[in-house]
Every structure is written in C-alpha cells, then in structure tokens.
C-alpha atoms as a PDB file:
ATOM      1  CA  MET A   1      89.986  82.843 -21.241  1.00  0.00           C
ATOM      2  CA  SER A   2      92.702  81.012 -23.177  1.00  0.00           C
ATOM      3  CA  LEU A   3      92.495  78.018 -20.820  1.00  0.00           C
ATOM      4  CA  GLY A   4      88.765  77.807 -21.470  1.00  0.00           C
ATOM      5  CA  ILE A   5      89.314  77.833 -25.219  1.00  0.00           C
ATOM      6  CA  PHE A   6      91.915  75.058 -24.998  1.00  0.00           C
ATOM      7  CA  LYS A   7      89.620  72.967 -22.793  1.00  0.00           C
ATOM      8  CA  THR A   8      86.802  73.389 -25.304  1.00  0.00           C
ATOM      9  CA  LEU A   9      89.059  72.343 -28.176  1.00  0.00           C
ATOM     10  CA  ARG A  10      90.308  69.335 -26.222  1.00  0.00           C
ATOM     11  CA  ASP A  11      86.728  68.252 -25.478  1.00  0.00           C
ATOM     12  CA  GLU A  12      85.846  68.487 -29.162  1.00  0.00           C
ATOM     13  CA  ILE A  13      88.906  66.489 -30.202  1.00  0.00           C
ATOM     14  CA  ASP A  14      88.251  63.814 -27.575  1.00  0.00           C
ATOM     15  CA  SER A  15      84.616  63.500 -28.669  1.00  0.00           C
ATOM     16  CA  MET A  16      85.745  62.903 -32.244  1.00  0.00           C
ATOM     17  CA  MET A  17      88.201  60.237 -31.137  1.00  0.00           C
ATOM     18  CA  ALA A  18      85.427  58.533 -29.173  1.00  0.00           C
ATOM     19  CA  ARG A  19      83.259  58.342 -32.301  1.00  0.00           C
ATOM     20  CA  ASP A  20      85.928  57.399 -34.837  1.00  0.00           C
ATOM     21  CA  PRO A  21      88.133  54.330 -34.264  1.00  0.00           C
ATOM     22  CA  ALA A  22      90.467  55.547 -37.026  1.00  0.00           C
ATOM     23  CA  ALA A  23      91.560  58.540 -34.915  1.00  0.00           C
ATOM     24  CA  ARG A  24      94.771  57.553 -33.119  1.00  0.00           C
ATOM     25  CA  SER A  25      95.866  60.804 -31.496  1.00  0.00           C
ATOM     26  CA  ARG A  26      94.784  64.366 -30.854  1.00  0.00           C
ATOM     27  CA  ILE A  27      97.453  65.797 -33.088  1.00  0.00           C
ATOM     28  CA  GLU A  28      96.225  63.562 -35.917  1.00  0.00           C
ATOM     29  CA  VAL A  29      92.715  64.973 -35.516  1.00  0.00           C
ATOM     30  CA  VAL A  30      93.988  68.556 -35.522  1.00  0.00           C
ATOM     31  CA  LEU A  31      96.171  68.154 -38.595  1.00  0.00           C
ATOM     32  CA  THR A  32      94.197  65.740 -40.775  1.00  0.00           C
ATOM     33  CA  TYR A  33      90.489  65.923 -39.919  1.00  0.00           C
ATOM     34  CA  PRO A  34      88.687  68.431 -42.173  1.00  0.00           C
ATOM     35  CA  GLY A  35      85.602  68.217 -39.974  1.00  0.00           C
ATOM     36  CA  PHE A  36      87.517  69.575 -36.991  1.00  0.00           C
ATOM     37  CA  GLN A  37      89.190  72.245 -39.098  1.00  0.00           C
ATOM     38  CA  ALA A  38      85.892  73.346 -40.669  1.00  0.00           C
ATOM     39  CA  VAL A  39      84.199  73.749 -37.285  1.00  0.00           C
ATOM     40  CA  LEU A  40      87.189  75.651 -35.915  1.00  0.00           C
ATOM     41  CA  ILE A  41      87.145  78.061 -38.865  1.00  0.00           C
ATOM     42  CA  HIS A  42      83.381  78.422 -38.483  1.00  0.00           C
ATOM     43  CA  ARG A  43      83.776  79.521 -34.862  1.00  0.00           C
ATOM     44  CA  VAL A  44      85.895  82.437 -36.060  1.00  0.00           C
ATOM     45  CA  ALA A  45      83.594  83.276 -38.977  1.00  0.00           C
ATOM     46  CA  HIS A  46      80.513  83.103 -36.742  1.00  0.00           C
ATOM     47  CA  ALA A  47      82.092  85.450 -34.197  1.00  0.00           C
ATOM     48  CA  CYS A  48      82.669  88.002 -36.969  1.00  0.00           C
ATOM     49  CA  TRP A  49      79.110  87.527 -38.231  1.00  0.00           C
ATOM     50  CA  GLN A  50      77.641  88.061 -34.759  1.00  0.00           C
ATOM     51  CA  ARG A  51      79.581  91.302 -34.336  1.00  0.00           C
ATOM     52  CA  GLY A  52      78.281  92.720 -37.586  1.00  0.00           C
ATOM     53  CA  PHE A  53      81.318  92.000 -39.752  1.00  0.00           C
ATOM     54  CA  ARG A  54      79.235  90.076 -42.254  1.00  0.00           C
ATOM     55  CA  LEU A  55      81.585  90.314 -45.233  1.00  0.00           C
ATOM     56  CA  THR A  56      84.552  89.253 -43.120  1.00  0.00           C
ATOM     57  CA  GLY A  57      82.583  86.311 -41.802  1.00  0.00           C
ATOM     58  CA  ARG A  58      81.618  85.218 -45.311  1.00  0.00           C
ATOM     59  CA  PHE A  59      85.207  85.570 -46.496  1.00  0.00           C
ATOM     60  CA  ILE A  60      86.568  83.430 -43.661  1.00  0.00           C
ATOM     61  CA  ALA A  61      83.837  80.843 -44.256  1.00  0.00           C
ATOM     62  CA  ASN A  62      84.762  80.741 -47.934  1.00  0.00           C
ATOM     63  CA  ILE A  63      88.398  80.066 -47.047  1.00  0.00           C
ATOM     64  CA  GLY A  64      87.193  77.209 -44.856  1.00  0.00           C
ATOM     65  CA  ARG A  65      85.228  75.775 -47.769  1.00  0.00           C
ATOM     66  CA  TRP A  66      88.300  75.902 -50.025  1.00  0.00           C
ATOM     67  CA  LEU A  67      90.468  74.181 -47.438  1.00  0.00           C
ATOM     68  CA  THR A  68      88.067  71.488 -46.228  1.00  0.00           C
ATOM     69  CA  GLY A  69      85.340  70.967 -48.831  1.00  0.00           C
ATOM     70  CA  ILE A  70      82.770  71.723 -46.124  1.00  0.00           C
ATOM     71  CA  GLU A  71      80.495  74.736 -46.524  1.00  0.00           C
ATOM     72  CA  ILE A  72      79.136  76.257 -43.322  1.00  0.00           C
ATOM     73  CA  HIS A  73      77.399  79.606 -43.480  1.00  0.00           C
ATOM     74  CA  PRO A  74      78.796  81.950 -40.802  1.00  0.00           C
ATOM     75  CA  GLY A  75      75.268  82.636 -39.595  1.00  0.00           C
ATOM     76  CA  ALA A  76      74.643  78.986 -38.654  1.00  0.00           C
ATOM     77  CA  ARG A  77      74.523  78.241 -34.923  1.00  0.00           C
ATOM     78  CA  ILE A  78      76.551  75.185 -33.931  1.00  0.00           C
ATOM     79  CA  GLY A  79      76.719  73.650 -30.458  1.00  0.00           C
ATOM     80  CA  ARG A  80      79.546  71.833 -28.731  1.00  0.00           C
ATOM     81  CA  ARG A  81      81.356  68.737 -29.957  1.00  0.00           C
ATOM     82  CA  LEU A  82      79.988  68.631 -33.497  1.00  0.00           C
ATOM     83  CA  PHE A  83      81.684  65.818 -35.420  1.00  0.00           C
ATOM     84  CA  ILE A  84      81.660  66.035 -39.228  1.00  0.00           C
ATOM     85  CA  ASP A  85      83.117  62.683 -40.265  1.00  0.00           C
ATOM     86  CA  HIS A  86      84.874  62.585 -43.660  1.00  0.00           C
ATOM     87  CA  GLY A  87      83.190  65.904 -44.322  1.00  0.00           C
ATOM     88  CA  MET A  88      83.464  66.378 -48.070  1.00  0.00           C
ATOM     89  CA  GLY A  89      80.313  67.906 -49.551  1.00  0.00           C
ATOM     90  CA  VAL A  90      78.614  68.889 -46.291  1.00  0.00           C
ATOM     91  CA  VAL A  91      76.486  72.058 -46.584  1.00  0.00           C
ATOM     92  CA  ILE A  92      75.005  73.876 -43.581  1.00  0.00           C
ATOM     93  CA  GLY A  93      72.719  76.821 -44.317  1.00  0.00           C
ATOM     94  CA  GLU A  94      72.496  80.258 -42.746  1.00  0.00           C
ATOM     95  CA  THR A  95      69.624  79.684 -40.328  1.00  0.00           C
ATOM     96  CA  ALA A  96      70.517  76.100 -39.410  1.00  0.00           C
ATOM     97  CA  GLU A  97      70.852  75.324 -35.698  1.00  0.00           C
ATOM     98  CA  ILE A  98      72.813  72.340 -34.419  1.00  0.00           C
ATOM     99  CA  GLY A  99      72.834  71.125 -30.813  1.00  0.00           C
ATOM    100  CA  ASP A 100      75.530  69.374 -28.813  1.00  0.00           C
ATOM    101  CA  ASP A 101      77.228  66.055 -29.695  1.00  0.00           C
ATOM    102  CA  VAL A 102      75.756  65.878 -33.203  1.00  0.00           C
ATOM    103  CA  THR A 103      77.382  63.675 -35.858  1.00  0.00           C
ATOM    104  CA  LEU A 104      77.183  64.464 -39.580  1.00  0.00           C
ATOM    105  CA  TYR A 105      78.656  62.335 -42.334  1.00  0.00           C
ATOM    106  CA  HIS A 106      79.831  63.401 -45.779  1.00  0.00           C
ATOM    107  CA  ASP A 107      77.456  64.934 -48.352  1.00  0.00           C
ATOM    108  CA  VAL A 108      74.858  65.898 -45.744  1.00  0.00           C
ATOM    109  CA  THR A 109      72.826  69.012 -46.554  1.00  0.00           C
ATOM    110  CA  LEU A 110      71.018  71.108 -43.971  1.00  0.00           C
ATOM    111  CA  GLY A 111      69.283  73.304 -46.511  1.00  0.00           C
ATOM    112  CA  GLY A 112      66.195  75.259 -47.409  1.00  0.00           C
ATOM    113  CA  ILE A 113      63.291  74.471 -49.719  1.00  0.00           C
ATOM    114  CA  ALA A 114      63.135  76.346 -53.035  1.00  0.00           C
ATOM    115  CA  PRO A 115      65.443  79.201 -51.978  1.00  0.00           C
ATOM    116  CA  SER A 116      65.338  80.637 -55.514  1.00  0.00           C
ATOM    117  CA  VAL A 117      61.541  81.120 -55.362  1.00  0.00           C
ATOM    118  CA  ASN A 118      60.612  84.546 -53.985  1.00  0.00           C
ATOM    119  CA  SER A 119      64.039  84.952 -52.384  1.00  0.00           C
ATOM    120  CA  ALA A 120      63.341  88.486 -51.128  1.00  0.00           C
ATOM    121  CA  ALA A 121      60.556  87.211 -48.870  1.00  0.00           C
ATOM    122  CA  GLN A 122      62.898  84.627 -47.315  1.00  0.00           C
ATOM    123  CA  VAL A 123      65.505  87.109 -46.086  1.00  0.00           C
ATOM    124  CA  ASN A 124      65.909  87.023 -42.287  1.00  0.00           C
ATOM    125  CA  LYS A 125      63.419  84.144 -42.048  1.00  0.00           C
ATOM    126  CA  LYS A 126      64.006  80.683 -40.610  1.00  0.00           C
ATOM    127  CA  ARG A 127      64.683  78.530 -43.688  1.00  0.00           C
ATOM    128  CA  HIS A 128      66.914  75.716 -42.472  1.00  0.00           C
ATOM    129  CA  PRO A 129      66.497  72.825 -40.042  1.00  0.00           C
ATOM    130  CA  THR A 130      67.108  72.650 -36.317  1.00  0.00           C
ATOM    131  CA  ILE A 131      69.080  69.606 -35.182  1.00  0.00           C
ATOM    132  CA  ARG A 132      68.759  68.733 -31.497  1.00  0.00           C
ATOM    133  CA  ASP A 133      71.397  67.140 -29.252  1.00  0.00           C
ATOM    134  CA  ARG A 134      73.009  63.767 -30.060  1.00  0.00           C
ATOM    135  CA  VAL A 135      71.479  63.398 -33.510  1.00  0.00           C
ATOM    136  CA  ILE A 136      73.266  61.274 -36.134  1.00  0.00           C
ATOM    137  CA  ILE A 137      72.717  62.039 -39.831  1.00  0.00           C
ATOM    138  CA  GLY A 138      74.042  59.515 -42.344  1.00  0.00           C
ATOM    139  CA  SER A 139      75.983  60.254 -45.513  1.00  0.00           C
ATOM    140  CA  GLY A 140      74.095  61.834 -48.386  1.00  0.00           C
ATOM    141  CA  ALA A 141      71.037  62.713 -46.295  1.00  0.00           C
ATOM    142  CA  GLN A 142      69.148  65.888 -47.193  1.00  0.00           C
ATOM    143  CA  VAL A 143      67.378  67.631 -44.305  1.00  0.00           C
ATOM    144  CA  LEU A 144      65.396  70.463 -45.827  1.00  0.00           C
ATOM    145  CA  GLY A 145      63.295  73.344 -44.586  1.00  0.00           C
ATOM    146  CA  PRO A 146      62.575  74.878 -41.160  1.00  0.00           C
ATOM    147  CA  ILE A 147      61.944  71.509 -39.512  1.00  0.00           C
ATOM    148  CA  THR A 148      63.192  69.968 -36.272  1.00  0.00           C
ATOM    149  CA  VAL A 149      65.062  66.697 -35.871  1.00  0.00           C
ATOM    150  CA  GLY A 150      64.481  65.646 -32.276  1.00  0.00           C
ATOM    151  CA  GLU A 151      67.005  64.650 -29.658  1.00  0.00           C
ATOM    152  CA  CYS A 152      68.851  61.363 -30.264  1.00  0.00           C
ATOM    153  CA  ALA A 153      67.121  60.809 -33.618  1.00  0.00           C
ATOM    154  CA  ARG A 154      68.840  58.918 -36.435  1.00  0.00           C
ATOM    155  CA  VAL A 155      68.600  59.833 -40.128  1.00  0.00           C
ATOM    156  CA  GLY A 156      69.686  57.069 -42.484  1.00  0.00           C
ATOM    157  CA  ALA A 157      72.065  57.517 -45.390  1.00  0.00           C
ATOM    158  CA  ASN A 158      70.594  59.218 -48.487  1.00  0.00           C
ATOM    159  CA  ALA A 159      67.291  59.974 -46.756  1.00  0.00           C
ATOM    160  CA  VAL A 160      65.344  63.097 -47.716  1.00  0.00           C
ATOM    161  CA  VAL A 161      63.742  64.660 -44.645  1.00  0.00           C
ATOM    162  CA  VAL A 162      61.116  67.356 -45.173  1.00  0.00           C
ATOM    163  CA  ALA A 163      59.066  66.946 -41.977  1.00  0.00           C
ATOM    164  CA  ASP A 164      59.805  66.954 -38.259  1.00  0.00           C
ATOM    165  CA  VAL A 165      61.489  63.866 -36.825  1.00  0.00           C
ATOM    166  CA  ALA A 166      60.444  62.817 -33.331  1.00  0.00           C
ATOM    167  CA  PRO A 167      63.113  62.296 -30.663  1.00  0.00           C
ATOM    168  CA  ARG A 168      64.762  58.856 -30.495  1.00  0.00           C
ATOM    169  CA  THR A 169      63.401  57.612 -33.803  1.00  0.00           C
ATOM    170  CA  THR A 170      65.179  56.373 -36.923  1.00  0.00           C
ATOM    171  CA  VAL A 171      64.018  57.531 -40.359  1.00  0.00           C
ATOM    172  CA  VAL A 172      65.121  56.325 -43.797  1.00  0.00           C
ATOM    173  CA  GLY A 173      64.003  56.634 -47.412  1.00  0.00           C
ATOM    174  CA  ILE A 174      62.669  59.238 -49.832  1.00  0.00           C
ATOM    175  CA  PRO A 175      60.709  60.860 -48.342  1.00  0.00           C
ATOM    176  CA  ALA A 176      61.998  59.773 -44.956  1.00  0.00           C
ATOM    177  CA  ARG A 177      59.718  57.540 -42.897  1.00  0.00           C
ATOM    178  CA  VAL A 178      60.036  56.061 -39.419  1.00  0.00           C
ATOM    179  CA  VAL A 179      61.461  52.531 -39.323  1.00  0.00           C
ATOM    180  CA  VAL A 180      62.511  52.390 -35.668  1.00  0.00           C
ATOM    181  CA  PRO A 181      60.037  54.007 -33.235  1.00  0.00           C
ATOM    182  CA  LYS A 182      60.841  55.782 -29.996  1.00  0.00           C
ATOM    183  CA  ASP A 183      63.036  53.685 -27.729  1.00  0.00           C
ATOM    184  CA  GLN A 184      64.794  54.848 -24.603  1.00  0.00           C
ATOM    185  CA  GLN A 185      67.717  52.549 -25.411  1.00  0.00           C
ATOM    186  CA  GLN A 186      68.434  54.643 -28.501  1.00  0.00           C
ATOM    187  CA  ARG A 187      69.402  57.555 -26.256  1.00  0.00           C
ATOM    188  CA  GLU A 188      72.933  56.393 -25.457  1.00  0.00           C
ATOM    189  CA  ARG A 189      73.525  54.193 -28.477  1.00  0.00           C
ATOM    190  CA  PHE A 190      75.892  55.470 -31.158  1.00  0.00           C
ATOM    191  CA  VAL A 191      74.877  54.267 -34.633  1.00  0.00           C
ATOM    192  CA  ALA A 192      77.345  54.958 -37.420  1.00  0.00           C
ATOM    193  CA  TYR A 193      75.777  56.532 -40.510  1.00  0.00           C
ATOM    194  CA  GLY A 194      72.436  56.625 -38.677  1.00  0.00           C
ATOM    195  CA  MET A 195      71.657  53.032 -39.751  1.00  0.00           C
ATOM    196  CA  PRO A 196      71.427  50.308 -37.049  1.00  0.00           C
ATOM    197  CA  LEU A 197      72.848  46.967 -38.151  1.00  0.00           C
ATOM    198  CA  ASP A 198      69.726  45.165 -36.915  1.00  0.00           C
ATOM    199  CA  LEU A 199      67.360  47.428 -38.846  1.00  0.00           C
ATOM    200  CA  PRO A 200      64.682  45.317 -40.604  1.00  0.00           C
ATOM    201  CA  ASP A 201      64.970  45.385 -44.384  1.00  0.00           C
ATOM    202  CA  PRO A 202      61.835  47.157 -45.728  1.00  0.00           C
ATOM    203  CA  VAL A 203      62.152  45.359 -49.083  1.00  0.00           C
ATOM    204  CA  ALA A 204      62.327  41.953 -47.406  1.00  0.00           C
ATOM    205  CA  ARG A 205      59.359  42.885 -45.243  1.00  0.00           C
ATOM    206  CA  ALA A 206      57.329  43.870 -48.323  1.00  0.00           C
ATOM    207  CA  ILE A 207      58.245  40.601 -50.071  1.00  0.00           C
ATOM    208  CA  ASP A 208      57.182  38.614 -47.000  1.00  0.00           C
ATOM    209  CA  GLY A 209      53.825  40.385 -47.089  1.00  0.00           C
ATOM    210  CA  LEU A 210      53.346  39.518 -50.763  1.00  0.00           C
ATOM    211  CA  LEU A 211      54.234  35.866 -50.105  1.00  0.00           C
ATOM    212  CA  ASP A 212      51.653  35.745 -47.304  1.00  0.00           C
ATOM    213  CA  GLN A 213      48.997  37.075 -49.676  1.00  0.00           C
ATOM    214  CA  VAL A 214      49.960  34.506 -52.327  1.00  0.00           C
ATOM    215  CA  SER A 215      49.649  31.712 -49.740  1.00  0.00           C
ATOM    216  CA  ARG A 216      46.169  32.869 -48.730  1.00  0.00           C
ATOM    217  CA  LEU A 217      45.039  33.132 -52.354  1.00  0.00           C
ATOM    218  CA  ARG A 218      46.408  29.648 -53.112  1.00  0.00           C
ATOM    219  CA  ALA A 219      44.486  28.211 -50.159  1.00  0.00           C
ATOM    220  CA  ARG A 220      41.258  29.786 -51.427  1.00  0.00           C
ATOM    221  CA  VAL A 221      41.801  28.441 -54.959  1.00  0.00           C
ATOM    222  CA  GLU A 222      42.444  24.933 -53.610  1.00  0.00           C
ATOM    223  CA  ALA A 223      39.260  25.116 -51.533  1.00  0.00           C
ATOM    224  CA  LEU A 224      37.245  26.162 -54.592  1.00  0.00           C
ATOM    225  CA  GLU A 225      38.736  23.364 -56.688  1.00  0.00           C
ATOM    226  CA  ALA A 226      37.951  20.822 -53.973  1.00  0.00           C
ATOM    227  CA  GLY A 227      34.347  21.987 -53.893  1.00  0.00           C
ATOM    228  CA  ARG A 228      34.093  21.788 -57.690  1.00  0.00           C
ATOM    229  CA  ALA A 229      35.378  18.200 -57.700  1.00  0.00           C
ATOM    230  CA  GLY A 230      32.575  17.221 -55.318  1.00  0.00           C
ATOM    231  CA  GLU A 231      29.176  18.800 -55.221  1.00  0.00           C
ATOM    232  CA  GLY A 232      30.536  22.132 -56.369  1.00  0.00           C
ATOM    233  CA  PRO A 233      29.917  25.573 -55.082  1.00  0.00           C
ATOM    234  CA  ALA A 234      26.573  27.278 -55.425  1.00  0.00           C
ATOM    235  CA  LEU A 235      26.120  29.340 -58.575  1.00  0.00           C
ATOM    236  CA  PRO A 236      24.498  32.768 -58.736  1.00  0.00           C
ATOM    237  CA  ASN A 237      21.096  31.440 -60.037  1.00  0.00           C
ATOM    238  CA  GLY A 238      20.791  28.921 -57.221  1.00  0.00           C
ATOM    239  CA  ASP A 239      21.817  25.843 -59.228  1.00  0.00           C
ATOM    240  CA  ALA A 240      24.770  23.753 -58.124  1.00  0.00           C
ATOM    241  CA  ALA A 241      27.629  23.083 -60.463  1.00  0.00           C
ATOM    242  CA  ALA A 242      27.414  19.662 -62.136  1.00  0.00           C
ATOM    243  CA  PRO A 243      30.538  17.483 -62.247  1.00  0.00           C
ATOM    244  CA  ASN A 244      30.796  18.006 -66.027  1.00  0.00           C
ATOM    245  CA  GLY A 245      30.834  21.752 -65.610  1.00  0.00           C
ATOM    246  CA  GLY A 246      27.167  22.400 -66.513  1.00  0.00           C
ATOM    247  CA  HIS A 247      24.182  23.127 -64.299  1.00  0.00           C
ATOM    248  CA  GLU A 248      22.300  20.313 -62.581  1.00  0.00           C
ATOM    249  CA  GLY A 249      19.053  21.915 -63.718  1.00  0.00           C
ATOM    250  CA  ASP A 250      20.026  21.569 -67.383  1.00  0.00           C
ATOM    251  CA  ALA A 251      19.081  17.856 -67.537  1.00  0.00           C
ATOM    252  CA  GLU A 252      15.619  18.454 -66.076  1.00  0.00           C
ATOM    253  CA  ARG A 253      14.906  21.212 -68.570  1.00  0.00           C
ATOM    254  CA  ALA A 254      16.045  18.956 -71.435  1.00  0.00           C
ATOM    255  CA  ARG A 255      13.533  16.208 -70.426  1.00  0.00           C
ATOM    256  CA  ALA A 256      10.608  18.608 -70.119  1.00  0.00           C
ATOM    257  CA  PRO A 257       8.120  18.507 -73.073  1.00  0.00           C
ATOM    258  CA  VAL A 258       8.437  21.366 -75.508  1.00  0.00           C
ATOM    259  CA  ALA A 259       5.191  23.076 -76.518  1.00  0.00           C
ATOM    260  CA  GLN A 260       4.408  22.726 -80.256  1.00  0.00           C
ATOM    261  CA  PRO A 261       2.883  25.561 -82.270  1.00  0.00           C
ATOM    262  CA  GLY A 262      -0.864  25.757 -81.622  1.00  0.00           C
ATOM    263  CA  MET A 263      -0.636  23.742 -78.426  1.00  0.00           C
ATOM    264  CA  ARG A 264      -0.864  25.127 -74.929  1.00  0.00           C
ATOM    265  CA  ARG A 265       1.563  23.801 -72.382  1.00  0.00           C
ATOM    266  CA  ILE A 266       0.019  22.829 -69.085  1.00  0.00           C
ATOM    267  CA  ASP A 267       2.280  22.554 -66.088  1.00  0.00           C
ATOM    268  CA  CYS A 268       0.962  20.301 -63.323  1.00  0.00           C
END
C-alpha cells in the first residue's frame, strides 16, 4: 500500500516537472510548490469526506487554504497528476470533477452560477463544472456551472466559460468563444496558460475586416464619381445627370412655350 502511495506521489511530482521548466528537483516541488501541497492535503480531506467525516474534511481543507492560498472543497473529485501552477487564488467547488493530467493556473475558478439564489434547492445537486483529461485552463479563467470542458480543450486566460467546450478546441473571451477548432494535433500539445503563441489576434482580424469594407466602399464611390464626370448615372425619374449637376431634361422644358392665361396649349 505504502509503495503504491509513493509511486503515485512520484508520478505527480514528475508530471509537474515536465510541465514547469522552473522545477529543478523533486524535493523542490515537494517543499515549495503550493499546487502540489494543496492537492496532497485535498487527498486527505477528500478521504475524510467520503467516509462521512464531513466536518473533519472541511477543517483539513481550510488548513490547506491557509497554507497554500488554494481553496479546494473536500467534496471535489480530482484525478491523477493535477498541476496547479502558481496556485494563488484557485477555487474548486464541491461538485467539481477534474480528470487526469489537467493543468490549472492561478486565479482559476471552477464555480457555480448564482449559488446564493435559492440555495436550499441546490444542495446535493451538480453545480460545478466537469473538466476532462488533459485540459489546460489559463490564469484568471472562470468556468461556471454544471458544464463540461472536453478532453484536451484549452481555456484562455481571463475567459468566462458558461457553456460546454468541445474536445480539442481553444476558447477565449467573455463569454468564451471558440478561436481554434478541433484539431487532432492539439491532443499532445502542451500550451502554457491555454493560449497558443500562433493564435490569430481577434482584434487584428476585426480591423482587417473593416479595412476590406472601406476598400470596397471607396471603389464604389470612385466608380460613381467616374460616371458623374461622363454621362452620369441614371436618376430615379429616368433622366440622366447633366455635367453641371442638373437634369438633361431641364433645358428642353425651359425652351417649351408656356401657355398664357386664356390660351390653350396644343402639343403636337
């Protein structure tokens, strides 16, 4: 039993070292990484919670929060090799479920939606998100409600996620939207903070779209001006525009005889 526990701890430490170039040794991870310490304390608190010692579990979890700055409810279910990098400000709610090899950065919240509204009806209900295997959630992201973030998905920093995220997609923004669609290559690719370096800038893309529209409008204006300098475009009443800006039919109407009072005009 003890050998199995030590092997599990070693696997978790090694997985953290693989994802953080700043980690130089296993002993450094054990002594100085609050993410490792918080998960270790949670394992104990969760075991108490599962055996019905709810108050003890909450007390141990509270000690973990004091020591690490990471709040994990003892009822949360956490898989193997969870890496909470930096860690400060992370909150994981009671009914949250986290798969294997997940990476969370600081200030991430796996929370509920409006927990203060009709709280009695939310007791023993699924209120927090489910995070599948190999998901990366960037710093400051808020993943809220009983939603599912699919396998190998990426959530960008400071995103607010309130709907399901498909596997192997990248979402950013408030509310979060897909910016990188499903791609099998995303499966084995580790992306720090959930933000690929080659991610297209949505602001730059919007500006490019506006510039394209301006170019099309300019071309239309130039075409209209060219037509006005020549014969001119047709006008709504059927007359063409005269070079001086009037109607070509104006001169003909000016030369036509005007009927005097008492006279009847006869058009031939």
